[in-house]
Amino acid sequence: SVHRDLDELHAELHALTYTVRRSAQRLGCDVCGGGRHLSNDWRKQ
């Protein structure tokens, strides 16, 4: 969302990511940061 306060931005992103991660884990997945997957094969995308 739009914010003025960094702590509020962090709190929103933390809660959102926690929800996304739990949803992904229930589907046999997980999420992570990083600008590129370490061994992604582009042909499989």
PDB file of all heavy atoms in Angstrom:
ATOM      1  N   SER A   1       0.852  -1.186   0.000  1.00  0.00           N
ATOM      2  CA  SER A   1       0.000   0.000   0.000  1.00  0.00           C
ATOM      3  C   SER A   1       0.893   1.242   0.000  1.00  0.00           C
ATOM      4  O   SER A   1       2.125   1.143   0.054  1.00  0.00           O
ATOM      5  CB  SER A   1      -0.897   0.004   1.237  1.00  0.00           C
ATOM      6  OG  SER A   1      -1.642  -1.189   1.330  1.00  0.00           O
ATOM      7  N   VAL A   2       0.277   2.406  -0.059  1.00  0.00           N
ATOM      8  CA  VAL A   2       1.018   3.671   0.030  1.00  0.00           C
ATOM      9  C   VAL A   2       1.270   3.981   1.505  1.00  0.00           C
ATOM     10  O   VAL A   2       0.366   3.868   2.331  1.00  0.00           O
ATOM     11  CB  VAL A   2       0.227   4.814  -0.627  1.00  0.00           C
ATOM     12  CG1 VAL A   2       0.986   6.133  -0.504  1.00  0.00           C
ATOM     13  CG2 VAL A   2      -0.053   4.489  -2.090  1.00  0.00           C
ATOM     14  N   HIS A   3       2.506   4.373   1.822  1.00  0.00           N
ATOM     15  CA  HIS A   3       2.873   4.639   3.211  1.00  0.00           C
ATOM     16  C   HIS A   3       3.661   5.936   3.334  1.00  0.00           C
ATOM     17  O   HIS A   3       4.207   6.454   2.355  1.00  0.00           O
ATOM     18  CB  HIS A   3       3.733   3.488   3.758  1.00  0.00           C
ATOM     19  CG  HIS A   3       2.998   2.203   3.934  1.00  0.00           C
ATOM     20  ND1 HIS A   3       2.253   1.906   5.046  1.00  0.00           N
ATOM     21  CD2 HIS A   3       2.891   1.120   3.116  1.00  0.00           C
ATOM     22  CE1 HIS A   3       1.722   0.698   4.916  1.00  0.00           C
ATOM     23  NE2 HIS A   3       2.095   0.204   3.751  1.00  0.00           N
ATOM     24  N   ARG A   4       3.733   6.417   4.559  1.00  0.00           N
ATOM     25  CA  ARG A   4       4.653   7.489   4.929  1.00  0.00           C
ATOM     26  C   ARG A   4       5.738   6.972   5.862  1.00  0.00           C
ATOM     27  O   ARG A   4       6.835   7.520   5.916  1.00  0.00           O
ATOM     28  CB  ARG A   4       3.890   8.617   5.652  1.00  0.00           C
ATOM     29  CG  ARG A   4       2.969   9.423   4.774  1.00  0.00           C
ATOM     30  CD  ARG A   4       3.694  10.297   3.781  1.00  0.00           C
ATOM     31  NE  ARG A   4       4.639  11.228   4.422  1.00  0.00           N
ATOM     32  CZ  ARG A   4       5.433  12.056   3.755  1.00  0.00           C
ATOM     33  NH1 ARG A   4       5.410  12.066   2.431  1.00  0.00           N
ATOM     34  NH2 ARG A   4       6.245  12.859   4.384  1.00  0.00           N
ATOM     35  N   ASP A   5       5.431   5.911   6.590  1.00  0.00           N
ATOM     36  CA  ASP A   5       6.287   5.412   7.660  1.00  0.00           C
ATOM     37  C   ASP A   5       6.931   4.090   7.232  1.00  0.00           C
ATOM     38  O   ASP A   5       6.242   3.164   6.804  1.00  0.00           O
ATOM     39  CB  ASP A   5       5.440   5.211   8.925  1.00  0.00           C
ATOM     40  CG  ASP A   5       6.267   4.745  10.097  1.00  0.00           C
ATOM     41  OD1 ASP A   5       6.852   5.588  10.781  1.00  0.00           O
ATOM     42  OD2 ASP A   5       6.328   3.513  10.308  1.00  0.00           O
ATOM     43  N   LEU A   6       8.254   3.985   7.384  1.00  0.00           N
ATOM     44  CA  LEU A   6       8.964   2.768   6.985  1.00  0.00           C
ATOM     45  C   LEU A   6       8.571   1.566   7.826  1.00  0.00           C
ATOM     46  O   LEU A   6       8.459   0.444   7.311  1.00  0.00           O
ATOM     47  CB  LEU A   6      10.473   2.985   7.083  1.00  0.00           C
ATOM     48  CG  LEU A   6      11.158   3.769   5.959  1.00  0.00           C
ATOM     49  CD1 LEU A   6      12.628   3.930   6.272  1.00  0.00           C
ATOM     50  CD2 LEU A   6      10.960   3.091   4.615  1.00  0.00           C
ATOM     51  N   ASP A   7       8.367   1.777   9.116  1.00  0.00           N
ATOM     52  CA  ASP A   7       7.985   0.660   9.977  1.00  0.00           C
ATOM     53  C   ASP A   7       6.631   0.092   9.568  1.00  0.00           C
ATOM     54  O   ASP A   7       6.420  -1.130   9.601  1.00  0.00           O
ATOM     55  CB  ASP A   7       7.941   1.100  11.445  1.00  0.00           C
ATOM     56  CG  ASP A   7       9.334   1.349  12.018  1.00  0.00           C
ATOM     57  OD1 ASP A   7      10.307   0.814  11.455  1.00  0.00           O
ATOM     58  OD2 ASP A   7       9.437   2.077  13.027  1.00  0.00           O
ATOM     59  N   GLU A   8       5.714   0.967   9.176  1.00  0.00           N
ATOM     60  CA  GLU A   8       4.407   0.494   8.728  1.00  0.00           C
ATOM     61  C   GLU A   8       4.527  -0.267   7.408  1.00  0.00           C
ATOM     62  O   GLU A   8       3.847  -1.277   7.196  1.00  0.00           O
ATOM     63  CB  GLU A   8       3.449   1.668   8.589  1.00  0.00           C
ATOM     64  CG  GLU A   8       3.054   2.291   9.926  1.00  0.00           C
ATOM     65  CD  GLU A   8       2.135   3.489   9.756  1.00  0.00           C
ATOM     66  OE1 GLU A   8       1.795   3.810   8.593  1.00  0.00           O
ATOM     67  OE2 GLU A   8       1.769   4.099  10.779  1.00  0.00           O
ATOM     68  N   LEU A   9       5.389   0.216   6.507  1.00  0.00           N
ATOM     69  CA  LEU A   9       5.641  -0.500   5.253  1.00  0.00           C
ATOM     70  C   LEU A   9       6.208  -1.887   5.542  1.00  0.00           C
ATOM     71  O   LEU A   9       5.771  -2.891   4.969  1.00  0.00           O
ATOM     72  CB  LEU A   9       6.615   0.294   4.384  1.00  0.00           C
ATOM     73  CG  LEU A   9       7.111  -0.404   3.112  1.00  0.00           C
ATOM     74  CD1 LEU A   9       5.956  -0.667   2.146  1.00  0.00           C
ATOM     75  CD2 LEU A   9       8.209   0.435   2.434  1.00  0.00           C
ATOM     76  N   HIS A  10       7.172  -1.945   6.462  1.00  0.00           N
ATOM     77  CA  HIS A  10       7.784  -3.226   6.811  1.00  0.00           C
ATOM     78  C   HIS A  10       6.756  -4.180   7.416  1.00  0.00           C
ATOM     79  O   HIS A  10       6.707  -5.370   7.074  1.00  0.00           O
ATOM     80  CB  HIS A  10       8.938  -3.010   7.784  1.00  0.00           C
ATOM     81  CG  HIS A  10       9.773  -4.230   7.987  1.00  0.00           C
ATOM     82  ND1 HIS A  10      10.719  -4.326   8.994  1.00  0.00           N
ATOM     83  CD2 HIS A  10       9.807  -5.436   7.349  1.00  0.00           C
ATOM     84  CE1 HIS A  10      11.298  -5.512   8.940  1.00  0.00           C
ATOM     85  NE2 HIS A  10      10.756  -6.193   7.956  1.00  0.00           N
ATOM     86  N   ALA A  11       5.916  -3.657   8.294  1.00  0.00           N
ATOM     87  CA  ALA A  11       4.902  -4.497   8.940  1.00  0.00           C
ATOM     88  C   ALA A  11       3.939  -5.078   7.905  1.00  0.00           C
ATOM     89  O   ALA A  11       3.572  -6.264   7.974  1.00  0.00           O
ATOM     90  CB  ALA A  11       4.141  -3.693   9.991  1.00  0.00           C
ATOM     91  N   GLU A  12       3.529  -4.249   6.949  1.00  0.00           N
ATOM     92  CA  GLU A  12       2.617  -4.751   5.920  1.00  0.00           C
ATOM     93  C   GLU A  12       3.284  -5.836   5.076  1.00  0.00           C
ATOM     94  O   GLU A  12       2.703  -6.895   4.825  1.00  0.00           O
ATOM     95  CB  GLU A  12       2.153  -3.617   5.010  1.00  0.00           C
ATOM     96  CG  GLU A  12       1.196  -4.117   3.930  1.00  0.00           C
ATOM     97  CD  GLU A  12       0.917  -3.112   2.831  1.00  0.00           C
ATOM     98  OE1 GLU A  12       1.778  -2.248   2.573  1.00  0.00           O
ATOM     99  OE2 GLU A  12      -0.170  -3.200   2.227  1.00  0.00           O
ATOM    100  N   LEU A  13       4.522  -5.587   4.640  1.00  0.00           N
ATOM    101  CA  LEU A  13       5.218  -6.558   3.799  1.00  0.00           C
ATOM    102  C   LEU A  13       5.499  -7.848   4.550  1.00  0.00           C
ATOM    103  O   LEU A  13       5.417  -8.945   3.988  1.00  0.00           O
ATOM    104  CB  LEU A  13       6.526  -5.958   3.280  1.00  0.00           C
ATOM    105  CG  LEU A  13       6.393  -4.858   2.238  1.00  0.00           C
ATOM    106  CD1 LEU A  13       7.752  -4.230   1.953  1.00  0.00           C
ATOM    107  CD2 LEU A  13       5.784  -5.397   0.945  1.00  0.00           C
ATOM    108  N   HIS A  14       5.828  -7.728   5.834  1.00  0.00           N
ATOM    109  CA  HIS A  14       6.100  -8.917   6.647  1.00  0.00           C
ATOM    110  C   HIS A  14       4.856  -9.780   6.758  1.00  0.00           C
ATOM    111  O   HIS A  14       4.898 -11.008   6.537  1.00  0.00           O
ATOM    112  CB  HIS A  14       6.600  -8.496   8.030  1.00  0.00           C
ATOM    113  CG  HIS A  14       7.151  -9.621   8.847  1.00  0.00           C
ATOM    114  ND1 HIS A  14       6.346 -10.549   9.487  1.00  0.00           N
ATOM    115  CD2 HIS A  14       8.431  -9.983   9.126  1.00  0.00           C
ATOM    116  CE1 HIS A  14       7.090 -11.414  10.125  1.00  0.00           C
ATOM    117  NE2 HIS A  14       8.368 -11.103   9.919  1.00  0.00           N
ATOM    118  N   ALA A  15       3.730  -9.156   7.071  1.00  0.00           N
ATOM    119  CA  ALA A  15       2.478  -9.908   7.204  1.00  0.00           C
ATOM    120  C   ALA A  15       2.064 -10.517   5.871  1.00  0.00           C
ATOM    121  O   ALA A  15       1.610 -11.671   5.799  1.00  0.00           O
ATOM    122  CB  ALA A  15       1.379  -8.995   7.736  1.00  0.00           C
ATOM    123  N   LEU A  16       2.238  -9.763   4.802  1.00  0.00           N
ATOM    124  CA  LEU A  16       1.856 -10.236   3.477  1.00  0.00           C
ATOM    125  C   LEU A  16       2.721 -11.420   3.059  1.00  0.00           C
ATOM    126  O   LEU A  16       2.218 -12.441   2.551  1.00  0.00           O
ATOM    127  CB  LEU A  16       2.008  -9.092   2.476  1.00  0.00           C
ATOM    128  CG  LEU A  16       1.339  -9.232   1.111  1.00  0.00           C
ATOM    129  CD1 LEU A  16      -0.158  -9.448   1.251  1.00  0.00           C
ATOM    130  CD2 LEU A  16       1.634  -7.988   0.267  1.00  0.00           C
ATOM    131  N   THR A  17       4.020 -11.305   3.274  1.00  0.00           N
ATOM    132  CA  THR A  17       4.935 -12.384   2.894  1.00  0.00           C
ATOM    133  C   THR A  17       4.699 -13.626   3.739  1.00  0.00           C
ATOM    134  O   THR A  17       4.773 -14.754   3.239  1.00  0.00           O
ATOM    135  CB  THR A  17       6.390 -11.922   3.031  1.00  0.00           C
ATOM    136  OG1 THR A  17       6.573 -10.735   2.254  1.00  0.00           O
ATOM    137  CG2 THR A  17       7.352 -12.984   2.558  1.00  0.00           C
ATOM    138  N   TYR A  18       4.412 -13.435   5.007  1.00  0.00           N
ATOM    139  CA  TYR A  18       4.103 -14.576   5.877  1.00  0.00           C
ATOM    140  C   TYR A  18       2.895 -15.332   5.339  1.00  0.00           C
ATOM    141  O   TYR A  18       2.895 -16.571   5.267  1.00  0.00           O
ATOM    142  CB  TYR A  18       3.849 -14.079   7.299  1.00  0.00           C
ATOM    143  CG  TYR A  18       3.509 -15.184   8.271  1.00  0.00           C
ATOM    144  CD1 TYR A  18       4.500 -15.985   8.831  1.00  0.00           C
ATOM    145  CD2 TYR A  18       2.185 -15.430   8.640  1.00  0.00           C
ATOM    146  CE1 TYR A  18       4.185 -16.995   9.724  1.00  0.00           C
ATOM    147  CE2 TYR A  18       1.860 -16.441   9.533  1.00  0.00           C
ATOM    148  CZ  TYR A  18       2.873 -17.221  10.071  1.00  0.00           C
ATOM    149  OH  TYR A  18       2.551 -18.232  10.948  1.00  0.00           O
ATOM    150  N   THR A  19       1.873 -14.594   4.919  1.00  0.00           N
ATOM    151  CA  THR A  19       0.675 -15.229   4.362  1.00  0.00           C
ATOM    152  C   THR A  19       0.988 -15.954   3.056  1.00  0.00           C
ATOM    153  O   THR A  19       0.544 -17.089   2.833  1.00  0.00           O
ATOM    154  CB  THR A  19      -0.415 -14.167   4.121  1.00  0.00           C
ATOM    155  OG1 THR A  19      -0.761 -13.549   5.352  1.00  0.00           O
ATOM    156  CG2 THR A  19      -1.658 -14.793   3.506  1.00  0.00           C
ATOM    157  N   VAL A  20       1.759 -15.301   2.189  1.00  0.00           N
ATOM    158  CA  VAL A  20       2.132 -15.925   0.913  1.00  0.00           C
ATOM    159  C   VAL A  20       2.953 -17.180   1.156  1.00  0.00           C
ATOM    160  O   VAL A  20       2.732 -18.228   0.516  1.00  0.00           O
ATOM    161  CB  VAL A  20       2.918 -14.921   0.039  1.00  0.00           C
ATOM    162  CG1 VAL A  20       3.532 -15.617  -1.179  1.00  0.00           C
ATOM    163  CG2 VAL A  20       2.021 -13.783  -0.408  1.00  0.00           C
ATOM    164  N   ARG A  21       3.886 -17.086   2.100  1.00  0.00           N
ATOM    165  CA  ARG A  21       4.746 -18.248   2.356  1.00  0.00           C
ATOM    166  C   ARG A  21       3.941 -19.427   2.898  1.00  0.00           C
ATOM    167  O   ARG A  21       4.145 -20.572   2.491  1.00  0.00           O
ATOM    168  CB  ARG A  21       5.858 -17.852   3.335  1.00  0.00           C
ATOM    169  CG  ARG A  21       6.943 -18.902   3.383  1.00  0.00           C
ATOM    170  CD  ARG A  21       8.134 -18.529   4.231  1.00  0.00           C
ATOM    171  NE  ARG A  21       9.115 -19.599   4.129  1.00  0.00           N
ATOM    172  CZ  ARG A  21      10.000 -19.901   5.073  1.00  0.00           C
ATOM    173  NH1 ARG A  21      10.038 -19.187   6.192  1.00  0.00           N
ATOM    174  NH2 ARG A  21      10.842 -20.905   4.889  1.00  0.00           N
ATOM    175  N   ARG A  22       3.025 -19.166   3.809  1.00  0.00           N
ATOM    176  CA  ARG A  22       2.198 -20.246   4.346  1.00  0.00           C
ATOM    177  C   ARG A  22       1.335 -20.865   3.256  1.00  0.00           C
ATOM    178  O   ARG A  22       1.182 -22.092   3.183  1.00  0.00           O
ATOM    179  CB  ARG A  22       1.327 -19.726   5.480  1.00  0.00           C
ATOM    180  CG  ARG A  22       2.087 -19.435   6.768  1.00  0.00           C
ATOM    181  CD  ARG A  22       1.142 -19.252   7.945  1.00  0.00           C
ATOM    182  NE  ARG A  22       0.382 -20.475   8.223  1.00  0.00           N
ATOM    183  CZ  ARG A  22      -0.590 -20.551   9.117  1.00  0.00           C
ATOM    184  NH1 ARG A  22      -0.935 -19.481   9.813  1.00  0.00           N
ATOM    185  NH2 ARG A  22      -1.220 -21.674   9.336  1.00  0.00           N
ATOM    186  N   SER A  23       0.785 -20.041   2.387  1.00  0.00           N
ATOM    187  CA  SER A  23      -0.033 -20.557   1.288  1.00  0.00           C
ATOM    188  C   SER A  23       0.816 -21.408   0.351  1.00  0.00           C
ATOM    189  O   SER A  23       0.392 -22.479  -0.109  1.00  0.00           O
ATOM    190  CB  SER A  23      -0.675 -19.406   0.512  1.00  0.00           C
ATOM    191  OG  SER A  23      -1.557 -18.672   1.336  1.00  0.00           O
ATOM    192  N   ALA A  24       2.027 -20.934   0.053  1.00  0.00           N
ATOM    193  CA  ALA A  24       2.918 -21.696  -0.819  1.00  0.00           C
ATOM    194  C   ALA A  24       3.310 -23.023  -0.187  1.00  0.00           C
ATOM    195  O   ALA A  24       3.324 -24.070  -0.862  1.00  0.00           O
ATOM    196  CB  ALA A  24       4.163 -20.865  -1.131  1.00  0.00           C
ATOM    197  N   GLN A  25       3.606 -23.014   1.104  1.00  0.00           N
ATOM    198  CA  GLN A  25       4.023 -24.244   1.779  1.00  0.00           C
ATOM    199  C   GLN A  25       2.921 -25.291   1.792  1.00  0.00           C
ATOM    200  O   GLN A  25       3.197 -26.489   1.690  1.00  0.00           O
ATOM    201  CB  GLN A  25       4.486 -23.918   3.199  1.00  0.00           C
ATOM    202  CG  GLN A  25       5.826 -23.194   3.234  1.00  0.00           C
ATOM    203  CD  GLN A  25       6.192 -22.682   4.612  1.00  0.00           C
ATOM    204  OE1 GLN A  25       5.324 -22.471   5.475  1.00  0.00           O
ATOM    205  NE2 GLN A  25       7.470 -22.455   4.845  1.00  0.00           N
ATOM    206  N   ARG A  26       1.684 -24.840   1.883  1.00  0.00           N
ATOM    207  CA  ARG A  26       0.577 -25.801   1.825  1.00  0.00           C
ATOM    208  C   ARG A  26       0.455 -26.438   0.445  1.00  0.00           C
ATOM    209  O   ARG A  26      -0.161 -27.495   0.291  1.00  0.00           O
ATOM    210  CB  ARG A  26      -0.733 -25.106   2.218  1.00  0.00           C
ATOM    211  CG  ARG A  26      -0.854 -24.836   3.719  1.00  0.00           C
ATOM    212  CD  ARG A  26      -2.282 -24.479   4.104  1.00  0.00           C
ATOM    213  NE  ARG A  26      -2.660 -23.157   3.617  1.00  0.00           N
ATOM    214  CZ  ARG A  26      -2.545 -22.040   4.330  1.00  0.00           C
ATOM    215  NH1 ARG A  26      -2.047 -22.075   5.557  1.00  0.00           N
ATOM    216  NH2 ARG A  26      -2.927 -20.882   3.815  1.00  0.00           N
ATOM    217  N   LEU A  27       1.050 -25.787  -0.552  1.00  0.00           N
ATOM    218  CA  LEU A  27       1.014 -26.311  -1.925  1.00  0.00           C
ATOM    219  C   LEU A  27       2.349 -26.950  -2.318  1.00  0.00           C
ATOM    220  O   LEU A  27       2.614 -27.176  -3.506  1.00  0.00           O
ATOM    221  CB  LEU A  27       0.679 -25.174  -2.898  1.00  0.00           C
ATOM    222  CG  LEU A  27      -0.733 -24.586  -2.753  1.00  0.00           C
ATOM    223  CD1 LEU A  27      -0.854 -23.276  -3.513  1.00  0.00           C
ATOM    224  CD2 LEU A  27      -1.759 -25.599  -3.254  1.00  0.00           C
ATOM    225  N   GLY A  28       3.195 -27.248  -1.325  1.00  0.00           N
ATOM    226  CA  GLY A  28       4.476 -27.902  -1.587  1.00  0.00           C
ATOM    227  C   GLY A  28       5.535 -26.984  -2.143  1.00  0.00           C
ATOM    228  O   GLY A  28       6.477 -27.446  -2.815  1.00  0.00           O
ATOM    229  N   CYS A  29       5.419 -25.683  -1.865  1.00  0.00           N
ATOM    230  CA  CYS A  29       6.365 -24.684  -2.393  1.00  0.00           C
ATOM    231  C   CYS A  29       6.897 -23.821  -1.253  1.00  0.00           C
ATOM    232  O   CYS A  29       6.533 -23.991  -0.090  1.00  0.00           O
ATOM    233  CB  CYS A  29       5.689 -23.782  -3.425  1.00  0.00           C
ATOM    234  SG  CYS A  29       4.897 -24.619  -4.776  1.00  0.00           S
ATOM    235  N   ASP A  30       7.736 -22.880  -1.634  1.00  0.00           N
ATOM    236  CA  ASP A  30       8.202 -21.850  -0.711  1.00  0.00           C
ATOM    237  C   ASP A  30       8.583 -20.638  -1.550  1.00  0.00           C
ATOM    238  O   ASP A  30       8.581 -20.697  -2.785  1.00  0.00           O
ATOM    239  CB  ASP A  30       9.390 -22.335   0.124  1.00  0.00           C
ATOM    240  CG  ASP A  30       9.429 -21.710   1.515  1.00  0.00           C
ATOM    241  OD1 ASP A  30       8.914 -20.576   1.664  1.00  0.00           O
ATOM    242  OD2 ASP A  30       9.963 -22.340   2.440  1.00  0.00           O
ATOM    243  N   VAL A  31       8.905 -19.532  -0.888  1.00  0.00           N
ATOM    244  CA  VAL A  31       9.313 -18.321  -1.594  1.00  0.00           C
ATOM    245  C   VAL A  31      10.607 -17.795  -1.002  1.00  0.00           C
ATOM    246  O   VAL A  31      10.901 -17.990   0.185  1.00  0.00           O
ATOM    247  CB  VAL A  31       8.230 -17.212  -1.525  1.00  0.00           C
ATOM    248  CG1 VAL A  31       7.026 -17.591  -2.356  1.00  0.00           C
ATOM    249  CG2 VAL A  31       7.829 -16.909  -0.092  1.00  0.00           C
ATOM    250  N   CYS A  32      11.393 -17.139  -1.847  1.00  0.00           N
ATOM    251  CA  CYS A  32      12.641 -16.537  -1.380  1.00  0.00           C
ATOM    252  C   CYS A  32      12.956 -15.311  -2.213  1.00  0.00           C
ATOM    253  O   CYS A  32      12.354 -15.061  -3.269  1.00  0.00           O
ATOM    254  CB  CYS A  32      13.796 -17.544  -1.449  1.00  0.00           C
ATOM    255  SG  CYS A  32      14.282 -18.018  -3.125  1.00  0.00           S
ATOM    256  N   GLY A  33      13.917 -14.521  -1.717  1.00  0.00           N
ATOM    257  CA  GLY A  33      14.407 -13.372  -2.447  1.00  0.00           C
ATOM    258  C   GLY A  33      15.528 -13.765  -3.380  1.00  0.00           C
ATOM    259  O   GLY A  33      15.756 -14.947  -3.669  1.00  0.00           O
ATOM    260  N   GLY A  34      16.258 -12.765  -3.858  1.00  0.00           N
ATOM    261  CA  GLY A  34      17.329 -12.998  -4.818  1.00  0.00           C
ATOM    262  C   GLY A  34      16.922 -12.544  -6.203  1.00  0.00           C
ATOM    263  O   GLY A  34      15.771 -12.696  -6.608  1.00  0.00           O
ATOM    264  N   GLY A  35      17.874 -11.974  -6.941  1.00  0.00           N
ATOM    265  CA  GLY A  35      17.587 -11.434  -8.257  1.00  0.00           C
ATOM    266  C   GLY A  35      17.492 -12.469  -9.353  1.00  0.00           C
ATOM    267  O   GLY A  35      16.966 -12.189 -10.441  1.00  0.00           O
ATOM    268  N   ARG A  36      17.991 -13.671  -9.078  1.00  0.00           N
ATOM    269  CA  ARG A  36      17.972 -14.730 -10.083  1.00  0.00           C
ATOM    270  C   ARG A  36      18.066 -16.061  -9.360  1.00  0.00           C
ATOM    271  O   ARG A  36      18.780 -16.190  -8.370  1.00  0.00           O
ATOM    272  CB  ARG A  36      19.177 -14.557 -11.007  1.00  0.00           C
ATOM    273  CG  ARG A  36      19.032 -15.129 -12.388  1.00  0.00           C
ATOM    274  CD  ARG A  36      20.196 -14.699 -13.273  1.00  0.00           C
ATOM    275  NE  ARG A  36      19.782 -14.673 -14.660  1.00  0.00           N
ATOM    276  CZ  ARG A  36      20.425 -14.034 -15.618  1.00  0.00           C
ATOM    277  NH1 ARG A  36      21.498 -13.328 -15.328  1.00  0.00           N
ATOM    278  NH2 ARG A  36      19.994 -14.073 -16.863  1.00  0.00           N
ATOM    279  N   HIS A  37      17.347 -17.054  -9.859  1.00  0.00           N
ATOM    280  CA  HIS A  37      17.494 -18.397  -9.305  1.00  0.00           C
ATOM    281  C   HIS A  37      18.902 -18.900  -9.615  1.00  0.00           C
ATOM    282  O   HIS A  37      19.487 -18.569 -10.644  1.00  0.00           O
ATOM    283  CB  HIS A  37      16.443 -19.334  -9.907  1.00  0.00           C
ATOM    284  CG  HIS A  37      16.383 -20.670  -9.244  1.00  0.00           C
ATOM    285  ND1 HIS A  37      17.146 -21.739  -9.675  1.00  0.00           N
ATOM    286  CD2 HIS A  37      15.672 -21.107  -8.176  1.00  0.00           C
ATOM    287  CE1 HIS A  37      16.884 -22.787  -8.904  1.00  0.00           C
ATOM    288  NE2 HIS A  37      16.005 -22.431  -7.985  1.00  0.00           N
ATOM    289  N   LEU A  38      19.444 -19.712  -8.719  1.00  0.00           N
ATOM    290  CA  LEU A  38      20.838 -20.119  -8.859  1.00  0.00           C
ATOM    291  C   LEU A  38      21.085 -21.003 -10.072  1.00  0.00           C
ATOM    292  O   LEU A  38      22.184 -21.010 -10.628  1.00  0.00           O
ATOM    293  CB  LEU A  38      21.309 -20.837  -7.586  1.00  0.00           C
ATOM    294  CG  LEU A  38      21.203 -20.042  -6.278  1.00  0.00           C
ATOM    295  CD1 LEU A  38      21.844 -20.806  -5.137  1.00  0.00           C
ATOM    296  CD2 LEU A  38      21.826 -18.665  -6.419  1.00  0.00           C
ATOM    297  N   SER A  39      20.082 -21.784 -10.496  1.00  0.00           N
ATOM    298  CA  SER A  39      20.311 -22.699 -11.619  1.00  0.00           C
ATOM    299  C   SER A  39      19.115 -22.788 -12.562  1.00  0.00           C
ATOM    300  O   SER A  39      18.958 -23.788 -13.269  1.00  0.00           O
ATOM    301  CB  SER A  39      20.660 -24.098 -11.101  1.00  0.00           C
ATOM    302  OG  SER A  39      19.593 -24.621 -10.330  1.00  0.00           O
ATOM    303  N   ASN A  40      18.278 -21.776 -12.573  1.00  0.00           N
ATOM    304  CA  ASN A  40      17.092 -21.777 -13.414  1.00  0.00           C
ATOM    305  C   ASN A  40      17.435 -22.061 -14.877  1.00  0.00           C
ATOM    306  O   ASN A  40      18.337 -21.459 -15.454  1.00  0.00           O
ATOM    307  CB  ASN A  40      16.416 -20.394 -13.303  1.00  0.00           C
ATOM    308  CG  ASN A  40      15.522 -20.084 -14.477  1.00  0.00           C
ATOM    309  OD1 ASN A  40      14.660 -20.877 -14.819  1.00  0.00           O
ATOM    310  ND2 ASN A  40      15.741 -18.937 -15.107  1.00  0.00           N
ATOM    311  N   ASP A  41      16.710 -23.017 -15.486  1.00  0.00           N
ATOM    312  CA  ASP A  41      16.802 -23.287 -16.914  1.00  0.00           C
ATOM    313  C   ASP A  41      15.672 -22.512 -17.593  1.00  0.00           C
ATOM    314  O   ASP A  41      14.496 -22.830 -17.420  1.00  0.00           O
ATOM    315  CB  ASP A  41      16.651 -24.792 -17.181  1.00  0.00           C
ATOM    316  CG  ASP A  41      16.830 -25.151 -18.647  1.00  0.00           C
ATOM    317  OD1 ASP A  41      16.718 -24.254 -19.508  1.00  0.00           O
ATOM    318  OD2 ASP A  41      17.078 -26.335 -18.942  1.00  0.00           O
ATOM    319  N   TRP A  42      16.032 -21.506 -18.372  1.00  0.00           N
ATOM    320  CA  TRP A  42      15.015 -20.629 -18.965  1.00  0.00           C
ATOM    321  C   TRP A  42      14.023 -21.393 -19.825  1.00  0.00           C
ATOM    322  O   TRP A  42      12.855 -21.019 -19.945  1.00  0.00           O
ATOM    323  CB  TRP A  42      15.672 -19.522 -19.775  1.00  0.00           C
ATOM    324  CG  TRP A  42      16.402 -19.995 -21.011  1.00  0.00           C
ATOM    325  CD1 TRP A  42      17.710 -20.357 -21.102  1.00  0.00           C
ATOM    326  CD2 TRP A  42      15.852 -20.155 -22.316  1.00  0.00           C
ATOM    327  NE1 TRP A  42      18.015 -20.735 -22.368  1.00  0.00           N
ATOM    328  CE2 TRP A  42      16.890 -20.621 -23.154  1.00  0.00           C
ATOM    329  CE3 TRP A  42      14.588 -19.953 -22.870  1.00  0.00           C
ATOM    330  CZ2 TRP A  42      16.710 -20.887 -24.506  1.00  0.00           C
ATOM    331  CZ3 TRP A  42      14.398 -20.222 -24.224  1.00  0.00           C
ATOM    332  CH2 TRP A  42      15.443 -20.687 -25.028  1.00  0.00           C
ATOM    333  N   ARG A  43      14.468 -22.510 -20.413  1.00  0.00           N
ATOM    334  CA  ARG A  43      13.596 -23.266 -21.321  1.00  0.00           C
ATOM    335  C   ARG A  43      12.407 -23.888 -20.608  1.00  0.00           C
ATOM    336  O   ARG A  43      11.386 -24.192 -21.232  1.00  0.00           O
ATOM    337  CB  ARG A  43      14.408 -24.368 -22.016  1.00  0.00           C
ATOM    338  CG  ARG A  43      15.485 -23.843 -22.950  1.00  0.00           C
ATOM    339  CD  ARG A  43      16.430 -24.938 -23.383  1.00  0.00           C
ATOM    340  NE  ARG A  43      17.172 -25.488 -22.249  1.00  0.00           N
ATOM    341  CZ  ARG A  43      18.099 -26.443 -22.367  1.00  0.00           C
ATOM    342  NH1 ARG A  43      18.382 -26.944 -23.558  1.00  0.00           N
ATOM    343  NH2 ARG A  43      18.732 -26.891 -21.295  1.00  0.00           N
ATOM    344  N   LYS A  44      12.512 -24.056 -19.304  1.00  0.00           N
ATOM    345  CA  LYS A  44      11.443 -24.712 -18.544  1.00  0.00           C
ATOM    346  C   LYS A  44      10.394 -23.732 -18.029  1.00  0.00           C
ATOM    347  O   LYS A  44       9.408 -24.161 -17.424  1.00  0.00           O
ATOM    348  CB  LYS A  44      12.044 -25.484 -17.368  1.00  0.00           C
ATOM    349  CG  LYS A  44      12.953 -26.629 -17.788  1.00  0.00           C
ATOM    350  CD  LYS A  44      13.516 -27.349 -16.565  1.00  0.00           C
ATOM    351  CE  LYS A  44      14.420 -28.499 -16.969  1.00  0.00           C
ATOM    352  NZ  LYS A  44      14.993 -29.191 -15.780  1.00  0.00           N
ATOM    353  N   GLN A  45      10.596 -22.445 -18.259  1.00  0.00           N
ATOM    354  CA  GLN A  45       9.674 -21.462 -17.695  1.00  0.00           C
ATOM    355  C   GLN A  45       8.349 -21.443 -18.451  1.00  0.00           C
ATOM    356  O   GLN A  45       8.305 -21.653 -19.666  1.00  0.00           O
ATOM    357  CB  GLN A  45      10.309 -20.084 -17.698  1.00  0.00           C
ATOM    358  CG  GLN A  45      11.538 -19.994 -16.810  1.00  0.00           C
ATOM    359  CD  GLN A  45      11.284 -20.589 -15.439  1.00  0.00           C
ATOM    360  OE1 GLN A  45      10.402 -20.148 -14.716  1.00  0.00           O
ATOM    361  NE2 GLN A  45      12.049 -21.620 -15.085  1.00  0.00           N
TER     362      GLN A  45
END
